[in-house]
Amino acid sequence: MPQILKETDIAALVSRREGLPKCIMEAMAMGLPVVASNVRGNRDLVENERTGFLVELGDISGLVRALERLILDRELRAAMGAAGRNKIQDYSLDRVLEEMSSIYERYL
């Protein structure tokens, strides 16, 4: 996946339902802006107009507009990609393990 993502400018995930989508996490870790459907999981990761764009389900013209903005604006892609890379650090294995450890210590 890292090699494929290196060749990619924009990540998109327009599913109807998600948990916590690993593909968005991988894209953000590689510094890619994301266009995603505005559903649980996606909106937990993508901050609309900061790390990418959230589009309502079935809004094809909104999806096209979001993709066009990113395709036509290299600086916007870079800024959103950098913001996404920064945000995804909150989901790093070290931070997740630290948080889980804190939860266990609190209740044991």
C-alpha atoms as a PDB file:
ATOM      1  CA  MET A   1       0.000   0.000   0.000  1.00  0.00           C
ATOM      2  CA  PRO A   2       2.671   2.599   0.757  1.00  0.00           C
ATOM      3  CA  GLN A   3       3.995   2.351  -2.811  1.00  0.00           C
ATOM      4  CA  ILE A   4       0.525   2.800  -4.294  1.00  0.00           C
ATOM      5  CA  LEU A   5      -0.211   5.733  -2.010  1.00  0.00           C
ATOM      6  CA  LYS A   6       3.094   7.388  -2.988  1.00  0.00           C
ATOM      7  CA  GLU A   7       1.746   7.564  -6.542  1.00  0.00           C
ATOM      8  CA  THR A   8      -1.596   9.013  -5.414  1.00  0.00           C
ATOM      9  CA  ASP A   9      -2.652  12.657  -5.045  1.00  0.00           C
ATOM     10  CA  ILE A  10      -6.044  12.255  -3.363  1.00  0.00           C
ATOM     11  CA  ALA A  11      -7.720   9.486  -1.392  1.00  0.00           C
ATOM     12  CA  ALA A  12     -11.475   8.936  -1.676  1.00  0.00           C
ATOM     13  CA  LEU A  13     -13.862   6.720   0.258  1.00  0.00           C
ATOM     14  CA  VAL A  14     -17.552   7.156  -0.476  1.00  0.00           C
ATOM     15  CA  SER A  15     -19.077   4.217   1.355  1.00  0.00           C
ATOM     16  CA  ARG A  16     -22.463   4.154   3.072  1.00  0.00           C
ATOM     17  CA  ARG A  17     -21.158   2.776   6.398  1.00  0.00           C
ATOM     18  CA  GLU A  18     -17.778   2.604   8.073  1.00  0.00           C
ATOM     19  CA  GLY A  19     -16.193   1.683  11.349  1.00  0.00           C
ATOM     20  CA  LEU A  20     -12.819   3.373  11.614  1.00  0.00           C
ATOM     21  CA  PRO A  21     -11.539   3.079   8.039  1.00  0.00           C
ATOM     22  CA  LYS A  22      -7.934   1.929   7.887  1.00  0.00           C
ATOM     23  CA  CYS A  23      -7.637   3.098   4.270  1.00  0.00           C
ATOM     24  CA  ILE A  24      -8.284   6.707   5.339  1.00  0.00           C
ATOM     25  CA  MET A  25      -5.810   6.342   8.188  1.00  0.00           C
ATOM     26  CA  GLU A  26      -3.170   5.035   5.760  1.00  0.00           C
ATOM     27  CA  ALA A  27      -3.840   7.853   3.294  1.00  0.00           C
ATOM     28  CA  MET A  28      -3.584  10.491   6.000  1.00  0.00           C
ATOM     29  CA  ALA A  29      -0.354   8.961   7.300  1.00  0.00           C
ATOM     30  CA  MET A  30       1.043   9.325   3.775  1.00  0.00           C
ATOM     31  CA  GLY A  31       0.030  13.000   3.672  1.00  0.00           C
ATOM     32  CA  LEU A  32      -2.909  12.699   1.294  1.00  0.00           C
ATOM     33  CA  PRO A  33      -6.046  14.826   1.465  1.00  0.00           C
ATOM     34  CA  VAL A  34      -9.219  12.758   1.734  1.00  0.00           C
ATOM     35  CA  VAL A  35     -12.650  13.066   0.144  1.00  0.00           C
ATOM     36  CA  ALA A  36     -15.094  10.877   2.029  1.00  0.00           C
ATOM     37  CA  SER A  37     -18.777  10.335   2.569  1.00  0.00           C
ATOM     38  CA  ASN A  38     -20.091  12.041   5.687  1.00  0.00           C
ATOM     39  CA  VAL A  39     -20.720   8.902   7.730  1.00  0.00           C
ATOM     40  CA  ARG A  40     -19.555   7.672  11.136  1.00  0.00           C
ATOM     41  CA  GLY A  41     -15.950   6.573  11.010  1.00  0.00           C
ATOM     42  CA  ASN A  42     -15.068   8.796   8.071  1.00  0.00           C
ATOM     43  CA  ARG A  43     -16.079  11.943   9.942  1.00  0.00           C
ATOM     44  CA  ASP A  44     -14.153  10.749  13.000  1.00  0.00           C
ATOM     45  CA  LEU A  45     -10.988  11.051  10.922  1.00  0.00           C
ATOM     46  CA  VAL A  46     -11.642  13.661   8.224  1.00  0.00           C
ATOM     47  CA  GLU A  47     -12.080  17.247   9.376  1.00  0.00           C
ATOM     48  CA  ASN A  48     -14.098  18.921   6.642  1.00  0.00           C
ATOM     49  CA  GLU A  49     -12.099  21.618   4.836  1.00  0.00           C
ATOM     50  CA  ARG A  50      -9.051  20.982   7.028  1.00  0.00           C
ATOM     51  CA  THR A  51      -7.817  17.456   6.252  1.00  0.00           C
ATOM     52  CA  GLY A  52     -10.125  16.884   3.296  1.00  0.00           C
ATOM     53  CA  PHE A  53     -13.781  17.110   2.387  1.00  0.00           C
ATOM     54  CA  LEU A  54     -16.840  15.310   3.705  1.00  0.00           C
ATOM     55  CA  VAL A  55     -19.623  14.839   1.160  1.00  0.00           C
ATOM     56  CA  GLU A  56     -23.189  13.815   1.905  1.00  0.00           C
ATOM     57  CA  LEU A  57     -24.316  10.421   0.652  1.00  0.00           C
ATOM     58  CA  GLY A  58     -25.711  10.663  -2.868  1.00  0.00           C
ATOM     59  CA  ASP A  59     -24.361  14.185  -3.451  1.00  0.00           C
ATOM     60  CA  ILE A  60     -22.594  13.483  -6.723  1.00  0.00           C
ATOM     61  CA  SER A  61     -22.143  17.161  -7.613  1.00  0.00           C
ATOM     62  CA  GLY A  62     -20.636  17.808  -4.160  1.00  0.00           C
ATOM     63  CA  LEU A  63     -18.258  14.902  -4.680  1.00  0.00           C
ATOM     64  CA  VAL A  64     -17.220  16.274  -8.067  1.00  0.00           C
ATOM     65  CA  ARG A  65     -16.700  19.787  -6.618  1.00  0.00           C
ATOM     66  CA  ALA A  66     -14.532  18.440  -3.787  1.00  0.00           C
ATOM     67  CA  LEU A  67     -12.398  16.384  -6.151  1.00  0.00           C
ATOM     68  CA  GLU A  68     -12.087  19.260  -8.630  1.00  0.00           C
ATOM     69  CA  ARG A  69     -10.930  21.655  -5.894  1.00  0.00           C
ATOM     70  CA  LEU A  70      -8.183  19.269  -4.880  1.00  0.00           C
ATOM     71  CA  ILE A  71      -7.210  18.351  -8.425  1.00  0.00           C
ATOM     72  CA  LEU A  72      -6.858  22.004  -9.428  1.00  0.00           C
ATOM     73  CA  ASP A  73      -5.142  23.298  -6.283  1.00  0.00           C
ATOM     74  CA  ARG A  74      -1.775  21.719  -5.474  1.00  0.00           C
ATOM     75  CA  GLU A  75      -1.286  23.999  -2.443  1.00  0.00           C
ATOM     76  CA  LEU A  76      -4.658  22.982  -0.982  1.00  0.00           C
ATOM     77  CA  ARG A  77      -3.758  19.299  -1.466  1.00  0.00           C
ATOM     78  CA  ALA A  78      -0.457  19.843   0.325  1.00  0.00           C
ATOM     79  CA  ALA A  79      -2.007  21.809   3.201  1.00  0.00           C
ATOM     80  CA  MET A  80      -4.806  19.297   3.759  1.00  0.00           C
ATOM     81  CA  GLY A  81      -2.376  16.407   3.452  1.00  0.00           C
ATOM     82  CA  ALA A  82      -0.059  17.923   6.070  1.00  0.00           C
ATOM     83  CA  ALA A  83      -2.986  18.583   8.414  1.00  0.00           C
ATOM     84  CA  GLY A  84      -4.145  14.997   7.981  1.00  0.00           C
ATOM     85  CA  ARG A  85      -0.681  13.598   8.678  1.00  0.00           C
ATOM     86  CA  ASN A  86      -0.559  15.660  11.858  1.00  0.00           C
ATOM     87  CA  LYS A  87      -4.059  14.579  12.963  1.00  0.00           C
ATOM     88  CA  ILE A  88      -3.475  10.870  12.362  1.00  0.00           C
ATOM     89  CA  GLN A  89      -0.606  10.873  14.858  1.00  0.00           C
ATOM     90  CA  ASP A  90      -3.335  10.803  17.535  1.00  0.00           C
ATOM     91  CA  TYR A  91      -4.099   7.276  16.295  1.00  0.00           C
ATOM     92  CA  SER A  92      -0.526   5.964  16.411  1.00  0.00           C
ATOM     93  CA  LEU A  93       0.027   2.620  18.094  1.00  0.00           C
ATOM     94  CA  ASP A  94       2.054   4.241  20.880  1.00  0.00           C
ATOM     95  CA  ARG A  95      -0.717   6.706  21.721  1.00  0.00           C
ATOM     96  CA  VAL A  96      -3.463   4.091  21.544  1.00  0.00           C
ATOM     97  CA  LEU A  97      -1.525   1.717  23.814  1.00  0.00           C
ATOM     98  CA  GLU A  98      -0.839   4.552  26.247  1.00  0.00           C
ATOM     99  CA  GLU A  99      -4.521   5.444  26.374  1.00  0.00           C
ATOM    100  CA  MET A 100      -5.569   1.797  26.821  1.00  0.00           C
ATOM    101  CA  SER A 101      -3.041   1.390  29.622  1.00  0.00           C
ATOM    102  CA  SER A 102      -4.447   4.474  31.329  1.00  0.00           C
ATOM    103  CA  ILE A 103      -7.974   3.087  31.105  1.00  0.00           C
ATOM    104  CA  TYR A 104      -6.947  -0.284  32.553  1.00  0.00           C
ATOM    105  CA  GLU A 105      -5.022   1.369  35.394  1.00  0.00           C
ATOM    106  CA  ARG A 106      -8.027   3.499  36.264  1.00  0.00           C
ATOM    107  CA  TYR A 107     -10.359   0.506  36.622  1.00  0.00           C
ATOM    108  CA  LEU A 108      -8.021  -2.104  38.116  1.00  0.00           C
END
